[in-house]
Every structure is written in C-alpha cells, then in structure tokens.
Amino acid sequence: MGDFHNIFKNLRMQNHYTQGQMADLLGISRSAVSMYETGNREPDLETLEKIAKFFNVDMNYLLGSSVTVTSDNPEPSYEDIEQMIARGSHGFSAAQKMKLIQLLSEIDL
C-alpha cells in the first residue's frame, strides 16, 4: 500500500494520539495500529475509509498518491486540484468543498 504506514504514523503523531488512543477512536486493536505503522499489516477498505474520515484526508493521500508537477507537466490537473482541496480544506464541509471544485472548474484559464 505504498507509503501508508509512514503517512498513518505521521498523522497520528502530528495529532498527538498514542497508538492506544488511535485504536480506541477507530474501533480497532492497538496491535493493528502498530502493525499498520510498521507495514506488517494493511487496513481493509472499511478501516482505510475510517482513517481517512477521522483525519479528514483523501484515501489517495493515505495511500501515498500526491500531486506530481514536473517540467513536462508544470500545471496540476483538475484531479490534482480536487485532491488538494480534499486534503487541505479541513474547515470546509463536503458541500463547500464541492462548491469550490465547481467554481474552479468554471474558471477559464
């Protein structure tokens, strides 16, 4: 699952949760959290969704997908912008995120 184990651990630590607290909040065992963080186990889709919702991030972000801007592709794609909004707009509701995406799609650059 790519870099999930590092991303998950970093999110947990940045938000100051212990492995035990994280396990309780997600409804999983502390050993599962530990194994996710060491890469010895991967979460199922349902647990991955719980983690993404808990941290208010996109599942693609958890899996290590990110925006790639290169000299061949200096502009982020529409999908990249959607992911950035999904990951970086913690204060927005889902409806507000969708409205922002809609507004951005209407801009003629």
PDB file of N, CA and C in Angstrom:
ATOM      1  N   MET A   1       0.828  -1.189   0.000  1.00  0.00           N
ATOM      2  CA  MET A   1       0.000   0.000   0.000  1.00  0.00           C
ATOM      3  C   MET A   1       0.870   1.249   0.000  1.00  0.00           C
ATOM      4  N   GLY A   2       1.930   1.189  -0.730  1.00  0.00           N
ATOM      5  CA  GLY A   2       2.767   2.374  -0.869  1.00  0.00           C
ATOM      6  C   GLY A   2       3.371   2.824   0.443  1.00  0.00           C
ATOM      7  N   ASP A   3       3.160   4.066   0.764  1.00  0.00           N
ATOM      8  CA  ASP A   3       3.754   4.684   1.944  1.00  0.00           C
ATOM      9  C   ASP A   3       2.726   4.837   3.067  1.00  0.00           C
ATOM     10  N   PHE A   4       1.660   4.069   3.031  1.00  0.00           N
ATOM     11  CA  PHE A   4       0.591   4.202   4.027  1.00  0.00           C
ATOM     12  C   PHE A   4       1.129   4.164   5.446  1.00  0.00           C
ATOM     13  N   HIS A   5       2.010   3.202   5.737  1.00  0.00           N
ATOM     14  CA  HIS A   5       2.461   3.031   7.117  1.00  0.00           C
ATOM     15  C   HIS A   5       3.119   4.305   7.664  1.00  0.00           C
ATOM     16  N   ASN A   6       3.914   4.980   6.859  1.00  0.00           N
ATOM     17  CA  ASN A   6       4.553   6.226   7.307  1.00  0.00           C
ATOM     18  C   ASN A   6       3.558   7.371   7.415  1.00  0.00           C
ATOM     19  N   ILE A   7       2.664   7.479   6.445  1.00  0.00           N
ATOM     20  CA  ILE A   7       1.677   8.560   6.445  1.00  0.00           C
ATOM     21  C   ILE A   7       0.752   8.423   7.648  1.00  0.00           C
ATOM     22  N   PHE A   8       0.275   7.204   7.896  1.00  0.00           N
ATOM     23  CA  PHE A   8      -0.611   6.963   9.031  1.00  0.00           C
ATOM     24  C   PHE A   8       0.088   7.305  10.350  1.00  0.00           C
ATOM     25  N   LYS A   9       1.299   6.837  10.517  1.00  0.00           N
ATOM     26  CA  LYS A   9       2.043   7.116  11.751  1.00  0.00           C
ATOM     27  C   LYS A   9       2.265   8.613  11.922  1.00  0.00           C
ATOM     28  N   ASN A  10       2.645   9.296  10.847  1.00  0.00           N
ATOM     29  CA  ASN A  10       2.871  10.741  10.929  1.00  0.00           C
ATOM     30  C   ASN A  10       1.600  11.486  11.298  1.00  0.00           C
ATOM     31  N   LEU A  11       0.471  11.100  10.703  1.00  0.00           N
ATOM     32  CA  LEU A  11      -0.799  11.754  11.043  1.00  0.00           C
ATOM     33  C   LEU A  11      -1.145  11.538  12.516  1.00  0.00           C
ATOM     34  N   ARG A  12      -0.956  10.313  12.985  1.00  0.00           N
ATOM     35  CA  ARG A  12      -1.253  10.013  14.393  1.00  0.00           C
ATOM     36  C   ARG A  12      -0.376  10.852  15.313  1.00  0.00           C
ATOM     37  N   MET A  13       0.903  10.902  15.030  1.00  0.00           N
ATOM     38  CA  MET A  13       1.836  11.621  15.891  1.00  0.00           C
ATOM     39  C   MET A  13       1.626  13.139  15.810  1.00  0.00           C
ATOM     40  N   GLN A  14       1.352  13.653  14.611  1.00  0.00           N
ATOM     41  CA  GLN A  14       1.112  15.097  14.456  1.00  0.00           C
ATOM     42  C   GLN A  14      -0.114  15.545  15.240  1.00  0.00           C
ATOM     43  N   ASN A  15      -1.056  14.630  15.401  1.00  0.00           N
ATOM     44  CA  ASN A  15      -2.284  14.947  16.130  1.00  0.00           C
ATOM     45  C   ASN A  15      -2.228  14.509  17.595  1.00  0.00           C
ATOM     46  N   HIS A  16      -1.041  14.073  18.021  1.00  0.00           N
ATOM     47  CA  HIS A  16      -0.755  13.757  19.421  1.00  0.00           C
ATOM     48  C   HIS A  16      -1.626  12.647  20.000  1.00  0.00           C
ATOM     49  N   TYR A  17      -1.812  11.587  19.224  1.00  0.00           N
ATOM     50  CA  TYR A  17      -2.520  10.414  19.715  1.00  0.00           C
ATOM     51  C   TYR A  17      -1.525   9.291  19.956  1.00  0.00           C
ATOM     52  N   THR A  18      -1.758   8.542  21.033  1.00  0.00           N
ATOM     53  CA  THR A  18      -0.987   7.327  21.244  1.00  0.00           C
ATOM     54  C   THR A  18      -1.583   6.238  20.357  1.00  0.00           C
ATOM     55  N   GLN A  19      -0.865   5.134  20.222  1.00  0.00           N
ATOM     56  CA  GLN A  19      -1.421   4.020  19.452  1.00  0.00           C
ATOM     57  C   GLN A  19      -2.693   3.497  20.107  1.00  0.00           C
ATOM     58  N   GLY A  20      -2.727   3.467  21.432  1.00  0.00           N
ATOM     59  CA  GLY A  20      -3.914   3.011  22.142  1.00  0.00           C
ATOM     60  C   GLY A  20      -5.105   3.916  21.914  1.00  0.00           C
ATOM     61  N   GLN A  21      -4.881   5.228  21.985  1.00  0.00           N
ATOM     62  CA  GLN A  21      -5.964   6.183  21.731  1.00  0.00           C
ATOM     63  C   GLN A  21      -6.484   6.048  20.304  1.00  0.00           C
ATOM     64  N   MET A  22      -5.555   5.920  19.358  1.00  0.00           N
ATOM     65  CA  MET A  22      -5.946   5.788  17.952  1.00  0.00           C
ATOM     66  C   MET A  22      -6.783   4.534  17.758  1.00  0.00           C
ATOM     67  N   ALA A  23      -6.370   3.446  18.376  1.00  0.00           N
ATOM     68  CA  ALA A  23      -7.110   2.188  18.270  1.00  0.00           C
ATOM     69  C   ALA A  23      -8.531   2.360  18.808  1.00  0.00           C
ATOM     70  N   ASP A  24      -8.662   2.987  19.961  1.00  0.00           N
ATOM     71  CA  ASP A  24      -9.987   3.200  20.557  1.00  0.00           C
ATOM     72  C   ASP A  24     -10.861   4.070  19.665  1.00  0.00           C
ATOM     73  N   LEU A  25     -10.284   5.125  19.120  1.00  0.00           N
ATOM     74  CA  LEU A  25     -11.050   6.049  18.278  1.00  0.00           C
ATOM     75  C   LEU A  25     -11.514   5.403  16.976  1.00  0.00           C
ATOM     76  N   LEU A  26     -10.712   4.473  16.449  1.00  0.00           N
ATOM     77  CA  LEU A  26     -11.051   3.808  15.189  1.00  0.00           C
ATOM     78  C   LEU A  26     -11.805   2.495  15.394  1.00  0.00           C
ATOM     79  N   GLY A  27     -11.864   2.028  16.637  1.00  0.00           N
ATOM     80  CA  GLY A  27     -12.540   0.774  16.913  1.00  0.00           C
ATOM     81  C   GLY A  27     -11.768  -0.447  16.439  1.00  0.00           C
ATOM     82  N   ILE A  28     -10.430  -0.360  16.542  1.00  0.00           N
ATOM     83  CA  ILE A  28      -9.560  -1.477  16.163  1.00  0.00           C
ATOM     84  C   ILE A  28      -8.610  -1.749  17.321  1.00  0.00           C
ATOM     85  N   SER A  29      -7.840  -2.799  17.228  1.00  0.00           N
ATOM     86  CA  SER A  29      -6.906  -3.124  18.312  1.00  0.00           C
ATOM     87  C   SER A  29      -5.642  -2.270  18.220  1.00  0.00           C
ATOM     88  N   ARG A  30      -4.977  -2.110  19.380  1.00  0.00           N
ATOM     89  CA  ARG A  30      -3.720  -1.372  19.396  1.00  0.00           C
ATOM     90  C   ARG A  30      -2.667  -2.115  18.582  1.00  0.00           C
ATOM     91  N   SER A  31      -2.714  -3.433  18.601  1.00  0.00           N
ATOM     92  CA  SER A  31      -1.741  -4.191  17.814  1.00  0.00           C
ATOM     93  C   SER A  31      -1.956  -3.967  16.313  1.00  0.00           C
ATOM     94  N   ALA A  32      -3.211  -3.756  15.883  1.00  0.00           N
ATOM     95  CA  ALA A  32      -3.470  -3.458  14.469  1.00  0.00           C
ATOM     96  C   ALA A  32      -2.833  -2.124  14.102  1.00  0.00           C
ATOM     97  N   VAL A  33      -2.984  -1.115  14.974  1.00  0.00           N
ATOM     98  CA  VAL A  33      -2.364   0.184  14.724  1.00  0.00           C
ATOM     99  C   VAL A  33      -0.852   0.017  14.600  1.00  0.00           C
ATOM    100  N   SER A  34      -0.272  -0.729  15.523  1.00  0.00           N
ATOM    101  CA  SER A  34       1.167  -0.960  15.496  1.00  0.00           C
ATOM    102  C   SER A  34       1.600  -1.647  14.199  1.00  0.00           C
ATOM    103  N   MET A  35       0.854  -2.669  13.801  1.00  0.00           N
ATOM    104  CA  MET A  35       1.214  -3.385  12.574  1.00  0.00           C
ATOM    105  C   MET A  35       1.021  -2.519  11.329  1.00  0.00           C
ATOM    106  N   TYR A  36       0.006  -1.637  11.329  1.00  0.00           N
ATOM    107  CA  TYR A  36      -0.165  -0.709  10.201  1.00  0.00           C
ATOM    108  C   TYR A  36       1.058   0.191  10.100  1.00  0.00           C
ATOM    109  N   GLU A  37       1.532   0.676  11.255  1.00  0.00           N
ATOM    110  CA  GLU A  37       2.642   1.625  11.263  1.00  0.00           C
ATOM    111  C   GLU A  37       3.982   0.988  10.912  1.00  0.00           C
ATOM    112  N   THR A  38       4.135  -0.291  11.159  1.00  0.00           N
ATOM    113  CA  THR A  38       5.382  -0.965  10.804  1.00  0.00           C
ATOM    114  C   THR A  38       5.328  -1.543   9.398  1.00  0.00           C
ATOM    115  N   GLY A  39       4.147  -1.543   8.788  1.00  0.00           N
ATOM    116  CA  GLY A  39       3.996  -2.089   7.453  1.00  0.00           C
ATOM    117  C   GLY A  39       3.794  -3.590   7.437  1.00  0.00           C
ATOM    118  N   ASN A  40       3.586  -4.189   8.614  1.00  0.00           N
ATOM    119  CA  ASN A  40       3.379  -5.637   8.693  1.00  0.00           C
ATOM    120  C   ASN A  40       1.943  -6.043   8.385  1.00  0.00           C
ATOM    121  N   ARG A  41       1.061  -5.070   8.318  1.00  0.00           N
ATOM    122  CA  ARG A  41      -0.354  -5.330   8.032  1.00  0.00           C
ATOM    123  C   ARG A  41      -0.928  -4.108   7.339  1.00  0.00           C
ATOM    124  N   GLU A  42      -1.921  -4.335   6.493  1.00  0.00           N
ATOM    125  CA  GLU A  42      -2.586  -3.235   5.796  1.00  0.00           C
ATOM    126  C   GLU A  42      -4.062  -3.233   6.168  1.00  0.00           C
ATOM    127  N   PRO A  43      -4.640  -2.050   6.299  1.00  0.00           N
ATOM    128  CA  PRO A  43      -6.055  -1.992   6.662  1.00  0.00           C
ATOM    129  C   PRO A  43      -6.944  -2.421   5.498  1.00  0.00           C
ATOM    130  N   ASP A  44      -8.108  -2.953   5.843  1.00  0.00           N
ATOM    131  CA  ASP A  44      -9.086  -3.238   4.797  1.00  0.00           C
ATOM    132  C   ASP A  44      -9.706  -1.912   4.351  1.00  0.00           C
ATOM    133  N   LEU A  45     -10.513  -1.962   3.309  1.00  0.00           N
ATOM    134  CA  LEU A  45     -11.085  -0.745   2.738  1.00  0.00           C
ATOM    135  C   LEU A  45     -11.924   0.019   3.757  1.00  0.00           C
ATOM    136  N   GLU A  46     -12.708  -0.698   4.540  1.00  0.00           N
ATOM    137  CA  GLU A  46     -13.565  -0.046   5.539  1.00  0.00           C
ATOM    138  C   GLU A  46     -12.728   0.714   6.570  1.00  0.00           C
ATOM    139  N   THR A  47     -11.653   0.101   7.045  1.00  0.00           N
ATOM    140  CA  THR A  47     -10.783   0.757   8.019  1.00  0.00           C
ATOM    141  C   THR A  47     -10.037   1.920   7.382  1.00  0.00           C
ATOM    142  N   LEU A  48      -9.626   1.761   6.147  1.00  0.00           N
ATOM    143  CA  LEU A  48      -8.958   2.849   5.434  1.00  0.00           C
ATOM    144  C   LEU A  48      -9.894   4.056   5.323  1.00  0.00           C
ATOM    145  N   GLU A  49     -11.168   3.803   5.040  1.00  0.00           N
ATOM    146  CA  GLU A  49     -12.160   4.885   4.976  1.00  0.00           C
ATOM    147  C   GLU A  49     -12.322   5.560   6.334  1.00  0.00           C
ATOM    148  N   LYS A  50     -12.354   4.768   7.407  1.00  0.00           N
ATOM    149  CA  LYS A  50     -12.464   5.335   8.766  1.00  0.00           C
ATOM    150  C   LYS A  50     -11.289   6.257   9.062  1.00  0.00           C
ATOM    151  N   ILE A  51     -10.091   5.795   8.706  1.00  0.00           N
ATOM    152  CA  ILE A  51      -8.885   6.587   8.961  1.00  0.00           C
ATOM    153  C   ILE A  51      -8.927   7.885   8.168  1.00  0.00           C
ATOM    154  N   ALA A  52      -9.309   7.797   6.898  1.00  0.00           N
ATOM    155  CA  ALA A  52      -9.384   8.995   6.055  1.00  0.00           C
ATOM    156  C   ALA A  52     -10.398   9.985   6.614  1.00  0.00           C
ATOM    157  N   LYS A  53     -11.563   9.493   7.008  1.00  0.00           N
ATOM    158  CA  LYS A  53     -12.588  10.385   7.584  1.00  0.00           C
ATOM    159  C   LYS A  53     -12.118  10.979   8.899  1.00  0.00           C
ATOM    160  N   PHE A  54     -11.482  10.170   9.719  1.00  0.00           N
ATOM    161  CA  PHE A  54     -11.016  10.651  11.026  1.00  0.00           C
ATOM    162  C   PHE A  54     -10.050  11.819  10.865  1.00  0.00           C
ATOM    163  N   PHE A  55      -9.084  11.674   9.951  1.00  0.00           N
ATOM    164  CA  PHE A  55      -8.081  12.724   9.758  1.00  0.00           C
ATOM    165  C   PHE A  55      -8.496  13.752   8.708  1.00  0.00           C
ATOM    166  N   ASN A  56      -9.684  13.572   8.126  1.00  0.00           N
ATOM    167  CA  ASN A  56     -10.203  14.489   7.117  1.00  0.00           C
ATOM    168  C   ASN A  56      -9.236  14.628   5.937  1.00  0.00           C
ATOM    169  N   VAL A  57      -8.808  13.462   5.440  1.00  0.00           N
ATOM    170  CA  VAL A  57      -7.929  13.424   4.281  1.00  0.00           C
ATOM    171  C   VAL A  57      -8.515  12.482   3.241  1.00  0.00           C
ATOM    172  N   ASP A  58      -8.054  12.593   2.034  1.00  0.00           N
ATOM    173  CA  ASP A  58      -8.471  11.720   0.949  1.00  0.00           C
ATOM    174  C   ASP A  58      -7.781  10.364   1.100  1.00  0.00           C
ATOM    175  N   MET A  59      -8.480   9.299   0.736  1.00  0.00           N
ATOM    176  CA  MET A  59      -7.867   7.970   0.813  1.00  0.00           C
ATOM    177  C   MET A  59      -6.632   7.882  -0.074  1.00  0.00           C
ATOM    178  N   ASN A  60      -6.638   8.558  -1.212  1.00  0.00           N
ATOM    179  CA  ASN A  60      -5.458   8.555  -2.081  1.00  0.00           C
ATOM    180  C   ASN A  60      -4.242   9.144  -1.369  1.00  0.00           C
ATOM    181  N   TYR A  61      -4.485  10.161  -0.558  1.00  0.00           N
ATOM    182  CA  TYR A  61      -3.393  10.740   0.225  1.00  0.00           C
ATOM    183  C   TYR A  61      -2.816   9.696   1.184  1.00  0.00           C
ATOM    184  N   LEU A  62      -3.704   8.956   1.870  1.00  0.00           N
ATOM    185  CA  LEU A  62      -3.245   7.915   2.789  1.00  0.00           C
ATOM    186  C   LEU A  62      -2.414   6.852   2.076  1.00  0.00           C
ATOM    187  N   LEU A  63      -2.760   6.605   0.832  1.00  0.00           N
ATOM    188  CA  LEU A  63      -2.055   5.571   0.069  1.00  0.00           C
ATOM    189  C   LEU A  63      -0.758   6.079  -0.555  1.00  0.00           C
ATOM    190  N   GLY A  64      -0.473   7.357  -0.372  1.00  0.00           N
ATOM    191  CA  GLY A  64       0.775   7.903  -0.869  1.00  0.00           C
ATOM    192  C   GLY A  64       0.684   8.585  -2.210  1.00  0.00           C
ATOM    193  N   SER A  65      -0.540   8.709  -2.753  1.00  0.00           N
ATOM    194  CA  SER A  65      -0.712   9.431  -4.019  1.00  0.00           C
ATOM    195  C   SER A  65      -0.617  10.918  -3.731  1.00  0.00           C
ATOM    196  N   SER A  66       0.090  11.615  -4.590  1.00  0.00           N
ATOM    197  CA  SER A  66       0.206  13.058  -4.407  1.00  0.00           C
ATOM    198  C   SER A  66       0.282  13.732  -5.762  1.00  0.00           C
ATOM    199  N   VAL A  67       0.180  15.024  -5.730  1.00  0.00           N
ATOM    200  CA  VAL A  67       0.257  15.810  -6.950  1.00  0.00           C
ATOM    201  C   VAL A  67       1.698  15.780  -7.456  1.00  0.00           C
ATOM    202  N   THR A  68       1.850  15.484  -8.727  1.00  0.00           N
ATOM    203  CA  THR A  68       3.174  15.453  -9.327  1.00  0.00           C
ATOM    204  C   THR A  68       3.270  16.559 -10.364  1.00  0.00           C
ATOM    205  N   VAL A  69       4.122  17.530 -10.084  1.00  0.00           N
ATOM    206  CA  VAL A  69       4.355  18.620 -11.024  1.00  0.00           C
ATOM    207  C   VAL A  69       5.793  18.497 -11.491  1.00  0.00           C
ATOM    208  N   THR A  70       5.976  18.360 -12.785  1.00  0.00           N
ATOM    209  CA  THR A  70       7.313  18.205 -13.355  1.00  0.00           C
ATOM    210  C   THR A  70       7.520  19.276 -14.409  1.00  0.00           C
ATOM    211  N   SER A  71       8.730  19.335 -14.959  1.00  0.00           N
ATOM    212  CA  SER A  71       8.980  20.301 -16.021  1.00  0.00           C
ATOM    213  C   SER A  71       8.145  19.973 -17.250  1.00  0.00           C
ATOM    214  N   ASP A  72       7.813  18.683 -17.440  1.00  0.00           N
ATOM    215  CA  ASP A  72       6.954  18.286 -18.552  1.00  0.00           C
ATOM    216  C   ASP A  72       5.489  18.610 -18.271  1.00  0.00           C
ATOM    217  N   ASN A  73       5.132  18.688 -16.996  1.00  0.00           N
ATOM    218  CA  ASN A  73       3.751  18.918 -16.587  1.00  0.00           C
ATOM    219  C   ASN A  73       3.735  19.962 -15.465  1.00  0.00           C
ATOM    220  N   PRO A  74       3.937  21.258 -15.796  1.00  0.00           N
ATOM    221  CA  PRO A  74       4.049  22.283 -14.759  1.00  0.00           C
ATOM    222  C   PRO A  74       2.723  22.646 -14.088  1.00  0.00           C
ATOM    223  N   GLU A  75       1.621  22.247 -14.667  1.00  0.00           N
ATOM    224  CA  GLU A  75       0.307  22.590 -14.124  1.00  0.00           C
ATOM    225  C   GLU A  75      -0.330  21.362 -13.478  1.00  0.00           C
ATOM    226  N   PRO A  76      -0.895  21.520 -12.258  1.00  0.00           N
ATOM    227  CA  PRO A  76      -1.627  20.393 -11.680  1.00  0.00           C
ATOM    228  C   PRO A  76      -2.902  20.138 -12.470  1.00  0.00           C
ATOM    229  N   SER A  77      -3.301  18.894 -12.546  1.00  0.00           N
ATOM    230  CA  SER A  77      -4.527  18.550 -13.253  1.00  0.00           C
ATOM    231  C   SER A  77      -5.739  18.895 -12.398  1.00  0.00           C
ATOM    232  N   TYR A  78      -6.914  18.819 -13.000  1.00  0.00           N
ATOM    233  CA  TYR A  78      -8.161  19.033 -12.275  1.00  0.00           C
ATOM    234  C   TYR A  78      -8.256  18.042 -11.115  1.00  0.00           C
ATOM    235  N   GLU A  79      -7.871  16.786 -11.351  1.00  0.00           N
ATOM    236  CA  GLU A  79      -7.913  15.763 -10.303  1.00  0.00           C
ATOM    237  C   GLU A  79      -6.937  16.098  -9.181  1.00  0.00           C
ATOM    238  N   ASP A  80      -5.758  16.641  -9.542  1.00  0.00           N
ATOM    239  CA  ASP A  80      -4.794  17.051  -8.525  1.00  0.00           C
ATOM    240  C   ASP A  80      -5.388  18.146  -7.646  1.00  0.00           C
ATOM    241  N   ILE A  81      -6.068  19.100  -8.265  1.00  0.00           N
ATOM    242  CA  ILE A  81      -6.693  20.191  -7.517  1.00  0.00           C
ATOM    243  C   ILE A  81      -7.771  19.647  -6.595  1.00  0.00           C
ATOM    244  N   GLU A  82      -8.572  18.702  -7.085  1.00  0.00           N
ATOM    245  CA  GLU A  82      -9.594  18.084  -6.234  1.00  0.00           C
ATOM    246  C   GLU A  82      -8.957  17.437  -5.008  1.00  0.00           C
ATOM    247  N   GLN A  83      -7.849  16.721  -5.207  1.00  0.00           N
ATOM    248  CA  GLN A  83      -7.172  16.065  -4.092  1.00  0.00           C
ATOM    249  C   GLN A  83      -6.608  17.086  -3.109  1.00  0.00           C
ATOM    250  N   MET A  84      -6.040  18.177  -3.629  1.00  0.00           N
ATOM    251  CA  MET A  84      -5.510  19.205  -2.752  1.00  0.00           C
ATOM    252  C   MET A  84      -6.615  19.814  -1.901  1.00  0.00           C
ATOM    253  N   ILE A  85      -7.774  20.055  -2.491  1.00  0.00           N
ATOM    254  CA  ILE A  85      -8.905  20.603  -1.753  1.00  0.00           C
ATOM    255  C   ILE A  85      -9.364  19.602  -0.702  1.00  0.00           C
ATOM    256  N   ALA A  86      -9.471  18.350  -1.080  1.00  0.00           N
ATOM    257  CA  ALA A  86      -9.926  17.316  -0.150  1.00  0.00           C
ATOM    258  C   ALA A  86      -8.975  17.185   1.042  1.00  0.00           C
ATOM    259  N   ARG A  87      -7.667  17.285   0.797  1.00  0.00           N
ATOM    260  CA  ARG A  87      -6.687  17.136   1.872  1.00  0.00           C
ATOM    261  C   ARG A  87      -6.498  18.402   2.675  1.00  0.00           C
ATOM    262  N   GLY A  88      -6.547  19.563   2.016  1.00  0.00           N
ATOM    263  CA  GLY A  88      -6.128  20.783   2.678  1.00  0.00           C
ATOM    264  C   GLY A  88      -7.225  21.700   3.158  1.00  0.00           C
ATOM    265  N   SER A  89      -8.448  21.283   3.116  1.00  0.00           N
ATOM    266  CA  SER A  89      -9.546  22.177   3.496  1.00  0.00           C
ATOM    267  C   SER A  89     -10.289  21.616   4.697  1.00  0.00           C
ATOM    268  N   HIS A  90      -9.576  21.436   5.787  1.00  0.00           N
ATOM    269  CA  HIS A  90     -10.145  20.810   6.979  1.00  0.00           C
ATOM    270  C   HIS A  90     -11.355  21.563   7.527  1.00  0.00           C
ATOM    271  N   GLY A  91     -11.428  22.879   7.332  1.00  0.00           N
ATOM    272  CA  GLY A  91     -12.544  23.648   7.870  1.00  0.00           C
ATOM    273  C   GLY A  91     -13.767  23.669   6.980  1.00  0.00           C
ATOM    274  N   PHE A  92     -13.676  23.116   5.781  1.00  0.00           N
ATOM    275  CA  PHE A  92     -14.795  23.152   4.839  1.00  0.00           C
ATOM    276  C   PHE A  92     -15.676  21.923   5.009  1.00  0.00           C
ATOM    277  N   SER A  93     -16.972  22.125   4.835  1.00  0.00           N
ATOM    278  CA  SER A  93     -17.885  20.987   4.791  1.00  0.00           C
ATOM    279  C   SER A  93     -17.754  20.332   3.418  1.00  0.00           C
ATOM    280  N   ALA A  94     -18.325  19.146   3.274  1.00  0.00           N
ATOM    281  CA  ALA A  94     -18.288  18.456   1.975  1.00  0.00           C
ATOM    282  C   ALA A  94     -18.962  19.302   0.902  1.00  0.00           C
ATOM    283  N   ALA A  95     -20.078  19.952   1.253  1.00  0.00           N
ATOM    284  CA  ALA A  95     -20.790  20.793   0.288  1.00  0.00           C
ATOM    285  C   ALA A  95     -19.926  21.988  -0.131  1.00  0.00           C
ATOM    286  N   GLN A  96     -19.207  22.573   0.814  1.00  0.00           N
ATOM    287  CA  GLN A  96     -18.335  23.704   0.489  1.00  0.00           C
ATOM    288  C   GLN A  96     -17.177  23.265  -0.406  1.00  0.00           C
ATOM    289  N   LYS A  97     -16.628  22.070  -0.149  1.00  0.00           N
ATOM    290  CA  LYS A  97     -15.555  21.547  -0.991  1.00  0.00           C
ATOM    291  C   LYS A  97     -16.051  21.348  -2.419  1.00  0.00           C
ATOM    292  N   MET A  98     -17.245  20.776  -2.552  1.00  0.00           N
ATOM    293  CA  MET A  98     -17.809  20.548  -3.888  1.00  0.00           C
ATOM    294  C   MET A  98     -18.056  21.875  -4.601  1.00  0.00           C
ATOM    295  N   LYS A  99     -18.534  22.879  -3.879  1.00  0.00           N
ATOM    296  CA  LYS A  99     -18.775  24.192  -4.477  1.00  0.00           C
ATOM    297  C   LYS A  99     -17.457  24.811  -4.947  1.00  0.00           C
ATOM    298  N   LEU A 100     -16.406  24.679  -4.147  1.00  0.00           N
ATOM    299  CA  LEU A 100     -15.105  25.207  -4.532  1.00  0.00           C
ATOM    300  C   LEU A 100     -14.584  24.507  -5.782  1.00  0.00           C
ATOM    301  N   ILE A 101     -14.733  23.197  -5.840  1.00  0.00           N
ATOM    302  CA  ILE A 101     -14.316  22.441  -7.027  1.00  0.00           C
ATOM    303  C   ILE A 101     -15.104  22.910  -8.239  1.00  0.00           C
ATOM    304  N   GLN A 102     -16.412  23.104  -8.064  1.00  0.00           N
ATOM    305  CA  GLN A 102     -17.258  23.573  -9.163  1.00  0.00           C
ATOM    306  C   GLN A 102     -16.812  24.956  -9.628  1.00  0.00           C
ATOM    307  N   LEU A 103     -16.547  25.856  -8.705  1.00  0.00           N
ATOM    308  CA  LEU A 103     -16.103  27.204  -9.070  1.00  0.00           C
ATOM    309  C   LEU A 103     -14.766  27.173  -9.814  1.00  0.00           C
ATOM    310  N   LEU A 104     -13.858  26.349  -9.336  1.00  0.00           N
ATOM    311  CA  LEU A 104     -12.562  26.246 -10.013  1.00  0.00           C
ATOM    312  C   LEU A 104     -12.696  25.686 -11.421  1.00  0.00           C
ATOM    313  N   SER A 105     -13.626  24.759 -11.591  1.00  0.00           N
ATOM    314  CA  SER A 105     -13.804  24.165 -12.927  1.00  0.00           C
ATOM    315  C   SER A 105     -14.386  25.166 -13.920  1.00  0.00           C
ATOM    316  N   GLU A 106     -15.049  26.208 -13.410  1.00  0.00           N
ATOM    317  CA  GLU A 106     -15.664  27.202 -14.278  1.00  0.00           C
ATOM    318  C   GLU A 106     -14.707  28.318 -14.689  1.00  0.00           C
ATOM    319  N   ILE A 107     -13.564  28.381 -14.045  1.00  0.00           N
ATOM    320  CA  ILE A 107     -12.573  29.412 -14.363  1.00  0.00           C
ATOM    321  C   ILE A 107     -11.926  29.081 -15.695  1.00  0.00           C
ATOM    322  N   ASP A 108     -11.921  30.046 -16.583  1.00  0.00           N
ATOM    323  CA  ASP A 108     -11.312  29.863 -17.904  1.00  0.00           C
ATOM    324  C   ASP A 108      -9.904  30.433 -17.856  1.00  0.00           C
ATOM    325  N   LEU A 109      -8.927  29.533 -17.740  1.00  0.00           N
ATOM    326  CA  LEU A 109      -7.526  29.991 -17.644  1.00  0.00           C
ATOM    327  C   LEU A 109      -6.862  29.969 -19.001  1.00  0.00           C
TER     328      LEU A 109
END
